[in-house]
Amino acid sequence: MGGQAAIGLIGGMSWESSAHYYRLINEAVRERRGPTASAQCLMWSFDFSEIEALQHAGRWDELADRLAQAGKALERAGADFLVLCTNTMHRLAGELQAAVDLPLLHIADPTGAAIQAAGLRKVGLLGTAFTMEHAFYRGRLEERFGLEVLVPDAGDRALVHRVIYEELVAGVVREESRQAYRDVIARLAAAGAQGIILGCTEIMLLIGQDDSPVPVFDTTTLHALAAADRALG
């Protein structure tokens, strides 16, 4: 059957989405290797209350230090590559990669590849304000995959961000928030988006393909399946 590479998961941001990473990775390994097979993985899980406070205070240098500590701990523990189980903290992907000798499987890359494979060029992006408003995520999709990335207007960005931090990270799923997200997606599609990126790992708790008139690309699932593929070689 062959061996597996050990996946080093940096999670807890939030644990709601990290639990889905664990499930999706193990389901993929079981599907490929048989009913008793599971993934070899290690997880460093943060207390998200501390991470969230630092994010909103703009203390990204401290967050980079914390990611570096987690990556080094997973490297010492025997991980073969790293998976950062959050879109927002990929703002610090370069700092994390510089701190370790392990490869980092960047969350934007399987998403960009899936959009390319679908033959789409213009996509809408939902995520935290950090992900929607800063270039670290959009820029990688634009530069590496030739995509045009649309983001909601300021009011819609505030709504999407609020629902993530006040509801989804706490495991709260509200029908009125689902409808609000559907409306945001409809406006992006009307502006020319041929697909929608669920660019926060919690959004998949709220929104699926049935909620969008155009194809959706769930970064959590795409990232987790790419991790399983890499682990199995």
C-alpha atoms as a PDB file:
ATOM      1  CA  MET A   1       0.000   0.000   0.000  1.00  0.00           C
ATOM      2  CA  GLY A   2       2.903   2.334   0.531  1.00  0.00           C
ATOM      3  CA  GLY A   3       3.487   4.825   3.303  1.00  0.00           C
ATOM      4  CA  GLN A   4       2.068   8.246   3.961  1.00  0.00           C
ATOM      5  CA  ALA A   5       3.636  11.610   4.521  1.00  0.00           C
ATOM      6  CA  ALA A   6       2.711  13.086   7.907  1.00  0.00           C
ATOM      7  CA  ILE A   7       0.516  16.184   7.660  1.00  0.00           C
ATOM      8  CA  GLY A   8       1.222  19.000  10.116  1.00  0.00           C
ATOM      9  CA  LEU A   9      -2.065  20.844  10.629  1.00  0.00           C
ATOM     10  CA  ILE A  10      -2.037  24.325  12.168  1.00  0.00           C
ATOM     11  CA  GLY A  11      -5.621  24.749  13.304  1.00  0.00           C
ATOM     12  CA  GLY A  12      -7.974  26.055  15.943  1.00  0.00           C
ATOM     13  CA  MET A  13      -8.728  29.152  13.853  1.00  0.00           C
ATOM     14  CA  SER A  14     -11.466  28.239  14.492  1.00  0.00           C
ATOM     15  CA  TRP A  15     -11.760  24.646  15.721  1.00  0.00           C
ATOM     16  CA  GLU A  16     -15.136  24.481  13.937  1.00  0.00           C
ATOM     17  CA  SER A  17     -13.395  24.478  10.560  1.00  0.00           C
ATOM     18  CA  SER A  18     -10.377  22.479  11.789  1.00  0.00           C
ATOM     19  CA  ALA A  19     -12.743  19.637  12.711  1.00  0.00           C
ATOM     20  CA  HIS A  20     -13.929  19.604   9.102  1.00  0.00           C
ATOM     21  CA  TYR A  21     -10.317  19.499   7.864  1.00  0.00           C
ATOM     22  CA  TYR A  22      -9.694  16.430  10.024  1.00  0.00           C
ATOM     23  CA  ARG A  23     -12.845  14.710   8.806  1.00  0.00           C
ATOM     24  CA  LEU A  24     -12.319  15.548   5.124  1.00  0.00           C
ATOM     25  CA  ILE A  25      -8.668  14.467   5.101  1.00  0.00           C
ATOM     26  CA  ASN A  26      -9.437  11.163   6.795  1.00  0.00           C
ATOM     27  CA  GLU A  27     -12.437  10.473   4.556  1.00  0.00           C
ATOM     28  CA  ALA A  28     -10.246  11.018   1.498  1.00  0.00           C
ATOM     29  CA  VAL A  29      -7.535   8.676   2.790  1.00  0.00           C
ATOM     30  CA  ARG A  30     -10.116   6.013   3.639  1.00  0.00           C
ATOM     31  CA  GLU A  31     -11.638   6.298   0.174  1.00  0.00           C
ATOM     32  CA  ARG A  32      -8.237   5.859  -1.466  1.00  0.00           C
ATOM     33  CA  ARG A  33      -6.705   3.261   0.857  1.00  0.00           C
ATOM     34  CA  GLY A  34      -9.592   1.210   2.247  1.00  0.00           C
ATOM     35  CA  PRO A  35     -12.121   1.148   5.089  1.00  0.00           C
ATOM     36  CA  THR A  36      -9.656   0.999   7.996  1.00  0.00           C
ATOM     37  CA  ALA A  37      -7.176   3.545   6.586  1.00  0.00           C
ATOM     38  CA  SER A  38      -6.736   7.015   8.081  1.00  0.00           C
ATOM     39  CA  ALA A  39      -4.334   9.906   7.741  1.00  0.00           C
ATOM     40  CA  GLN A  40      -1.044  10.310   9.568  1.00  0.00           C
ATOM     41  CA  CYS A  41      -1.352  13.814  10.936  1.00  0.00           C
ATOM     42  CA  LEU A  42      -0.381  16.082  13.783  1.00  0.00           C
ATOM     43  CA  MET A  43      -2.336  19.156  14.807  1.00  0.00           C
ATOM     44  CA  TRP A  44      -1.344  22.296  16.650  1.00  0.00           C
ATOM     45  CA  SER A  45      -4.630  23.901  17.695  1.00  0.00           C
ATOM     46  CA  PHE A  46      -4.621  27.525  18.853  1.00  0.00           C
ATOM     47  CA  ASP A  47      -6.951  29.204  21.337  1.00  0.00           C
ATOM     48  CA  PHE A  48      -8.759  31.288  18.739  1.00  0.00           C
ATOM     49  CA  SER A  49      -9.857  33.919  21.267  1.00  0.00           C
ATOM     50  CA  GLU A  50      -6.202  34.977  21.515  1.00  0.00           C
ATOM     51  CA  ILE A  51      -5.667  34.879  17.742  1.00  0.00           C
ATOM     52  CA  GLU A  52      -8.845  36.847  17.006  1.00  0.00           C
ATOM     53  CA  ALA A  53      -7.912  39.572  19.489  1.00  0.00           C
ATOM     54  CA  LEU A  54      -4.474  39.989  17.914  1.00  0.00           C
ATOM     55  CA  GLN A  55      -5.974  40.071  14.402  1.00  0.00           C
ATOM     56  CA  HIS A  56      -8.385  42.864  15.216  1.00  0.00           C
ATOM     57  CA  ALA A  57      -5.669  44.763  17.091  1.00  0.00           C
ATOM     58  CA  GLY A  58      -3.456  44.581  13.984  1.00  0.00           C
ATOM     59  CA  ARG A  59      -0.665  42.810  15.886  1.00  0.00           C
ATOM     60  CA  TRP A  60       0.455  40.704  12.924  1.00  0.00           C
ATOM     61  CA  ASP A  61       4.091  40.479  14.065  1.00  0.00           C
ATOM     62  CA  GLU A  62       2.955  38.643  17.211  1.00  0.00           C
ATOM     63  CA  LEU A  63       0.730  36.398  15.129  1.00  0.00           C
ATOM     64  CA  ALA A  64       3.680  35.587  12.856  1.00  0.00           C
ATOM     65  CA  ASP A  65       5.707  34.574  15.907  1.00  0.00           C
ATOM     66  CA  ARG A  66       2.922  32.279  17.075  1.00  0.00           C
ATOM     67  CA  LEU A  67       2.628  30.628  13.674  1.00  0.00           C
ATOM     68  CA  ALA A  68       6.386  30.146  13.559  1.00  0.00           C
ATOM     69  CA  GLN A  69       6.342  28.465  16.975  1.00  0.00           C
ATOM     70  CA  ALA A  70       3.548  26.138  15.864  1.00  0.00           C
ATOM     71  CA  GLY A  71       5.302  25.271  12.608  1.00  0.00           C
ATOM     72  CA  LYS A  72       8.578  24.528  14.378  1.00  0.00           C
ATOM     73  CA  ALA A  73       6.786  22.354  16.939  1.00  0.00           C
ATOM     74  CA  LEU A  74       5.145  20.308  14.178  1.00  0.00           C
ATOM     75  CA  GLU A  75       8.467  20.033  12.358  1.00  0.00           C
ATOM     76  CA  ARG A  76      10.155  18.691  15.509  1.00  0.00           C
ATOM     77  CA  ALA A  77       7.255  16.270  16.015  1.00  0.00           C
ATOM     78  CA  GLY A  78       7.813  14.712  12.593  1.00  0.00           C
ATOM     79  CA  ALA A  79       5.480  16.464  10.138  1.00  0.00           C
ATOM     80  CA  ASP A  80       6.529  16.205   6.492  1.00  0.00           C
ATOM     81  CA  PHE A  81       4.587  19.265   5.292  1.00  0.00           C
ATOM     82  CA  LEU A  82       2.347  21.952   6.780  1.00  0.00           C
ATOM     83  CA  VAL A  83      -1.298  22.858   6.226  1.00  0.00           C
ATOM     84  CA  LEU A  84      -2.459  26.182   7.703  1.00  0.00           C
ATOM     85  CA  CYS A  85      -6.187  25.563   8.296  1.00  0.00           C
ATOM     86  CA  THR A  86      -7.390  29.138   7.776  1.00  0.00           C
ATOM     87  CA  ASN A  87      -7.525  31.607   4.894  1.00  0.00           C
ATOM     88  CA  THR A  88      -6.967  34.787   6.905  1.00  0.00           C
ATOM     89  CA  MET A  89      -3.701  33.682   8.494  1.00  0.00           C
ATOM     90  CA  HIS A  90      -2.221  33.018   5.054  1.00  0.00           C
ATOM     91  CA  ARG A  91      -1.469  36.719   5.236  1.00  0.00           C
ATOM     92  CA  LEU A  92       1.560  35.394   7.171  1.00  0.00           C
ATOM     93  CA  ALA A  93       2.305  32.405   4.925  1.00  0.00           C
ATOM     94  CA  GLY A  94       5.670  33.848   3.940  1.00  0.00           C
ATOM     95  CA  GLU A  95       6.733  34.328   7.550  1.00  0.00           C
ATOM     96  CA  LEU A  96       5.632  30.802   8.438  1.00  0.00           C
ATOM     97  CA  GLN A  97       7.454  29.290   5.481  1.00  0.00           C
ATOM     98  CA  ALA A  98      10.635  31.189   6.360  1.00  0.00           C
ATOM     99  CA  ALA A  99      10.557  29.778   9.912  1.00  0.00           C
ATOM    100  CA  VAL A 100      10.576  26.097   8.929  1.00  0.00           C
ATOM    101  CA  ASP A 101      12.286  23.725   6.523  1.00  0.00           C
ATOM    102  CA  LEU A 102       9.006  22.025   5.615  1.00  0.00           C
ATOM    103  CA  PRO A 103       6.891  22.873   2.558  1.00  0.00           C
ATOM    104  CA  LEU A 104       3.640  24.758   3.179  1.00  0.00           C
ATOM    105  CA  LEU A 105       0.600  23.773   1.101  1.00  0.00           C
ATOM    106  CA  HIS A 106      -0.890  27.220   0.408  1.00  0.00           C
ATOM    107  CA  ILE A 107      -4.682  27.360   0.573  1.00  0.00           C
ATOM    108  CA  ALA A 108      -5.045  29.574  -2.506  1.00  0.00           C
ATOM    109  CA  ASP A 109      -3.299  27.119  -4.830  1.00  0.00           C
ATOM    110  CA  PRO A 110      -5.805  24.219  -4.925  1.00  0.00           C
ATOM    111  CA  THR A 111      -8.576  26.818  -5.151  1.00  0.00           C
ATOM    112  CA  GLY A 112      -6.935  28.587  -8.081  1.00  0.00           C
ATOM    113  CA  ALA A 113      -6.287  25.267  -9.817  1.00  0.00           C
ATOM    114  CA  ALA A 114      -9.929  24.209  -9.413  1.00  0.00           C
ATOM    115  CA  ILE A 115     -11.185  27.517 -10.841  1.00  0.00           C
ATOM    116  CA  GLN A 116      -8.800  27.203 -13.786  1.00  0.00           C
ATOM    117  CA  ALA A 117      -9.907  23.606 -14.394  1.00  0.00           C
ATOM    118  CA  ALA A 118     -13.517  24.814 -14.493  1.00  0.00           C
ATOM    119  CA  GLY A 119     -12.573  27.270 -17.240  1.00  0.00           C
ATOM    120  CA  LEU A 120     -13.537  30.364 -15.240  1.00  0.00           C
ATOM    121  CA  ARG A 121     -11.665  33.631 -15.183  1.00  0.00           C
ATOM    122  CA  LYS A 122     -13.682  36.104 -13.068  1.00  0.00           C
ATOM    123  CA  VAL A 123     -14.644  35.054  -9.534  1.00  0.00           C
ATOM    124  CA  GLY A 124     -16.131  36.639  -6.431  1.00  0.00           C
ATOM    125  CA  LEU A 125     -14.397  36.286  -3.073  1.00  0.00           C
ATOM    126  CA  LEU A 126     -16.091  35.971   0.310  1.00  0.00           C
ATOM    127  CA  GLY A 127     -14.003  35.894   3.477  1.00  0.00           C
ATOM    128  CA  THR A 128     -12.973  37.929   6.470  1.00  0.00           C
ATOM    129  CA  ALA A 129     -12.324  41.622   5.912  1.00  0.00           C
ATOM    130  CA  PHE A 130      -8.606  40.803   6.126  1.00  0.00           C
ATOM    131  CA  THR A 131      -8.882  38.322   3.246  1.00  0.00           C
ATOM    132  CA  MET A 132     -11.187  40.430   1.089  1.00  0.00           C
ATOM    133  CA  GLU A 133      -9.428  43.769   1.587  1.00  0.00           C
ATOM    134  CA  HIS A 134      -5.732  42.835   1.534  1.00  0.00           C
ATOM    135  CA  ALA A 135      -3.750  41.596  -1.445  1.00  0.00           C
ATOM    136  CA  PHE A 136      -2.147  38.462   0.036  1.00  0.00           C
ATOM    137  CA  TYR A 137      -4.949  36.156  -1.166  1.00  0.00           C
ATOM    138  CA  ARG A 138      -6.381  37.956  -4.204  1.00  0.00           C
ATOM    139  CA  GLY A 139      -2.896  38.749  -5.412  1.00  0.00           C
ATOM    140  CA  ARG A 140      -1.800  35.109  -5.411  1.00  0.00           C
ATOM    141  CA  LEU A 141      -4.874  34.096  -7.410  1.00  0.00           C
ATOM    142  CA  GLU A 142      -4.342  36.927  -9.869  1.00  0.00           C
ATOM    143  CA  GLU A 143      -0.595  36.431 -10.321  1.00  0.00           C
ATOM    144  CA  ARG A 144      -0.376  32.627 -10.313  1.00  0.00           C
ATOM    145  CA  PHE A 145      -3.665  31.708 -11.942  1.00  0.00           C
ATOM    146  CA  GLY A 146      -4.555  34.743 -14.068  1.00  0.00           C
ATOM    147  CA  LEU A 147      -7.894  35.276 -12.335  1.00  0.00           C
ATOM    148  CA  GLU A 148      -9.868  38.470 -11.915  1.00  0.00           C
ATOM    149  CA  VAL A 149     -11.116  38.569  -8.316  1.00  0.00           C
ATOM    150  CA  LEU A 150     -14.148  40.636  -7.329  1.00  0.00           C
ATOM    151  CA  VAL A 151     -14.991  41.497  -3.719  1.00  0.00           C
ATOM    152  CA  PRO A 152     -18.286  42.742  -2.283  1.00  0.00           C
ATOM    153  CA  ASP A 153     -18.856  46.432  -1.596  1.00  0.00           C
ATOM    154  CA  ALA A 154     -18.003  47.887   1.817  1.00  0.00           C
ATOM    155  CA  GLY A 155     -21.391  47.208   3.398  1.00  0.00           C
ATOM    156  CA  ASP A 156     -21.475  43.619   2.193  1.00  0.00           C
ATOM    157  CA  ARG A 157     -17.878  43.059   3.305  1.00  0.00           C
ATOM    158  CA  ALA A 158     -18.792  44.230   6.807  1.00  0.00           C
ATOM    159  CA  LEU A 159     -21.771  41.868   6.889  1.00  0.00           C
ATOM    160  CA  VAL A 160     -19.760  38.857   5.693  1.00  0.00           C
ATOM    161  CA  HIS A 161     -17.012  39.576   8.243  1.00  0.00           C
ATOM    162  CA  ARG A 162     -19.455  40.056  11.125  1.00  0.00           C
ATOM    163  CA  VAL A 163     -21.238  36.758  10.494  1.00  0.00           C
ATOM    164  CA  ILE A 164     -17.926  34.890  10.454  1.00  0.00           C
ATOM    165  CA  TYR A 165     -16.626  36.286  13.742  1.00  0.00           C
ATOM    166  CA  GLU A 166     -19.889  36.625  15.660  1.00  0.00           C
ATOM    167  CA  GLU A 167     -21.635  33.463  14.470  1.00  0.00           C
ATOM    168  CA  LEU A 168     -19.749  30.879  12.438  1.00  0.00           C
ATOM    169  CA  VAL A 169     -16.607  30.601  14.591  1.00  0.00           C
ATOM    170  CA  ALA A 170     -18.975  29.891  17.494  1.00  0.00           C
ATOM    171  CA  GLY A 171     -20.806  27.213  15.510  1.00  0.00           C
ATOM    172  CA  VAL A 172     -23.917  29.385  15.162  1.00  0.00           C
ATOM    173  CA  VAL A 173     -25.744  28.968  11.834  1.00  0.00           C
ATOM    174  CA  ARG A 174     -28.662  31.363  11.276  1.00  0.00           C
ATOM    175  CA  GLU A 175     -31.107  31.200   8.398  1.00  0.00           C
ATOM    176  CA  GLU A 176     -31.209  34.998   8.125  1.00  0.00           C
ATOM    177  CA  SER A 177     -27.413  35.047   7.731  1.00  0.00           C
ATOM    178  CA  ARG A 178     -27.629  32.371   5.046  1.00  0.00           C
ATOM    179  CA  GLN A 179     -30.112  34.538   3.156  1.00  0.00           C
ATOM    180  CA  ALA A 180     -27.893  37.601   3.606  1.00  0.00           C
ATOM    181  CA  TYR A 181     -24.945  35.672   2.142  1.00  0.00           C
ATOM    182  CA  ARG A 182     -27.146  34.500  -0.750  1.00  0.00           C
ATOM    183  CA  ASP A 183     -27.935  38.140  -1.479  1.00  0.00           C
ATOM    184  CA  VAL A 184     -24.243  39.085  -1.434  1.00  0.00           C
ATOM    185  CA  ILE A 185     -23.463  36.198  -3.793  1.00  0.00           C
ATOM    186  CA  ALA A 186     -26.266  37.279  -6.146  1.00  0.00           C
ATOM    187  CA  ARG A 187     -24.831  40.796  -6.278  1.00  0.00           C
ATOM    188  CA  LEU A 188     -21.355  39.443  -7.101  1.00  0.00           C
ATOM    189  CA  ALA A 189     -22.818  37.254  -9.836  1.00  0.00           C
ATOM    190  CA  ALA A 190     -24.703  40.258 -11.238  1.00  0.00           C
ATOM    191  CA  ALA A 191     -21.375  42.127 -11.308  1.00  0.00           C
ATOM    192  CA  GLY A 192     -19.906  39.402 -13.525  1.00  0.00           C
ATOM    193  CA  ALA A 193     -18.553  36.769 -11.138  1.00  0.00           C
ATOM    194  CA  GLN A 194     -18.606  33.381 -12.891  1.00  0.00           C
ATOM    195  CA  GLY A 195     -17.923  31.581  -9.607  1.00  0.00           C
ATOM    196  CA  ILE A 196     -17.711  32.296  -5.882  1.00  0.00           C
ATOM    197  CA  ILE A 197     -14.784  31.474  -3.590  1.00  0.00           C
ATOM    198  CA  LEU A 198     -15.832  30.573  -0.040  1.00  0.00           C
ATOM    199  CA  GLY A 199     -12.611  32.160   1.152  1.00  0.00           C
ATOM    200  CA  CYS A 200     -12.993  31.591   4.874  1.00  0.00           C
ATOM    201  CA  THR A 201     -12.802  28.085   6.235  1.00  0.00           C
ATOM    202  CA  GLU A 202     -16.021  28.552   8.256  1.00  0.00           C
ATOM    203  CA  ILE A 203     -18.250  29.728   5.391  1.00  0.00           C
ATOM    204  CA  MET A 204     -18.886  26.152   4.289  1.00  0.00           C
ATOM    205  CA  LEU A 205     -20.843  25.744   7.540  1.00  0.00           C
ATOM    206  CA  LEU A 206     -23.387  28.249   6.167  1.00  0.00           C
ATOM    207  CA  ILE A 207     -23.299  28.226   2.372  1.00  0.00           C
ATOM    208  CA  GLY A 208     -23.163  25.492  -0.266  1.00  0.00           C
ATOM    209  CA  GLN A 209     -23.720  25.134  -3.992  1.00  0.00           C
ATOM    210  CA  ASP A 210     -27.505  25.292  -3.595  1.00  0.00           C
ATOM    211  CA  ASP A 211     -27.160  28.852  -2.292  1.00  0.00           C
ATOM    212  CA  SER A 212     -25.426  30.236  -5.386  1.00  0.00           C
ATOM    213  CA  PRO A 213     -26.456  30.764  -9.020  1.00  0.00           C
ATOM    214  CA  VAL A 214     -22.830  30.180 -10.075  1.00  0.00           C
ATOM    215  CA  PRO A 215     -20.312  27.481  -9.057  1.00  0.00           C
ATOM    216  CA  VAL A 216     -18.873  27.764  -5.544  1.00  0.00           C
ATOM    217  CA  PHE A 217     -15.314  26.834  -4.598  1.00  0.00           C
ATOM    218  CA  ASP A 218     -15.031  25.823  -0.961  1.00  0.00           C
ATOM    219  CA  THR A 219     -11.465  26.454   0.159  1.00  0.00           C
ATOM    220  CA  THR A 220     -11.784  24.151   3.184  1.00  0.00           C
ATOM    221  CA  THR A 221     -12.666  21.106   1.097  1.00  0.00           C
ATOM    222  CA  LEU A 222     -10.224  21.889  -1.707  1.00  0.00           C
ATOM    223  CA  HIS A 223      -7.355  22.463   0.735  1.00  0.00           C
ATOM    224  CA  ALA A 224      -8.121  19.328   2.753  1.00  0.00           C
ATOM    225  CA  LEU A 225      -8.328  17.122  -0.341  1.00  0.00           C
ATOM    226  CA  ALA A 226      -5.063  18.565  -1.649  1.00  0.00           C
ATOM    227  CA  ALA A 227      -3.460  17.715   1.715  1.00  0.00           C
ATOM    228  CA  ALA A 228      -4.703  14.125   1.478  1.00  0.00           C
ATOM    229  CA  ASP A 229      -3.404  13.855  -2.095  1.00  0.00           C
ATOM    230  CA  ARG A 230       0.004  15.125  -1.050  1.00  0.00           C
ATOM    231  CA  ALA A 231       0.152  12.803   1.962  1.00  0.00           C
ATOM    232  CA  LEU A 232      -0.584   9.793  -0.203  1.00  0.00           C
ATOM    233  CA  GLY A 233       1.780  10.855  -2.965  1.00  0.00           C
END
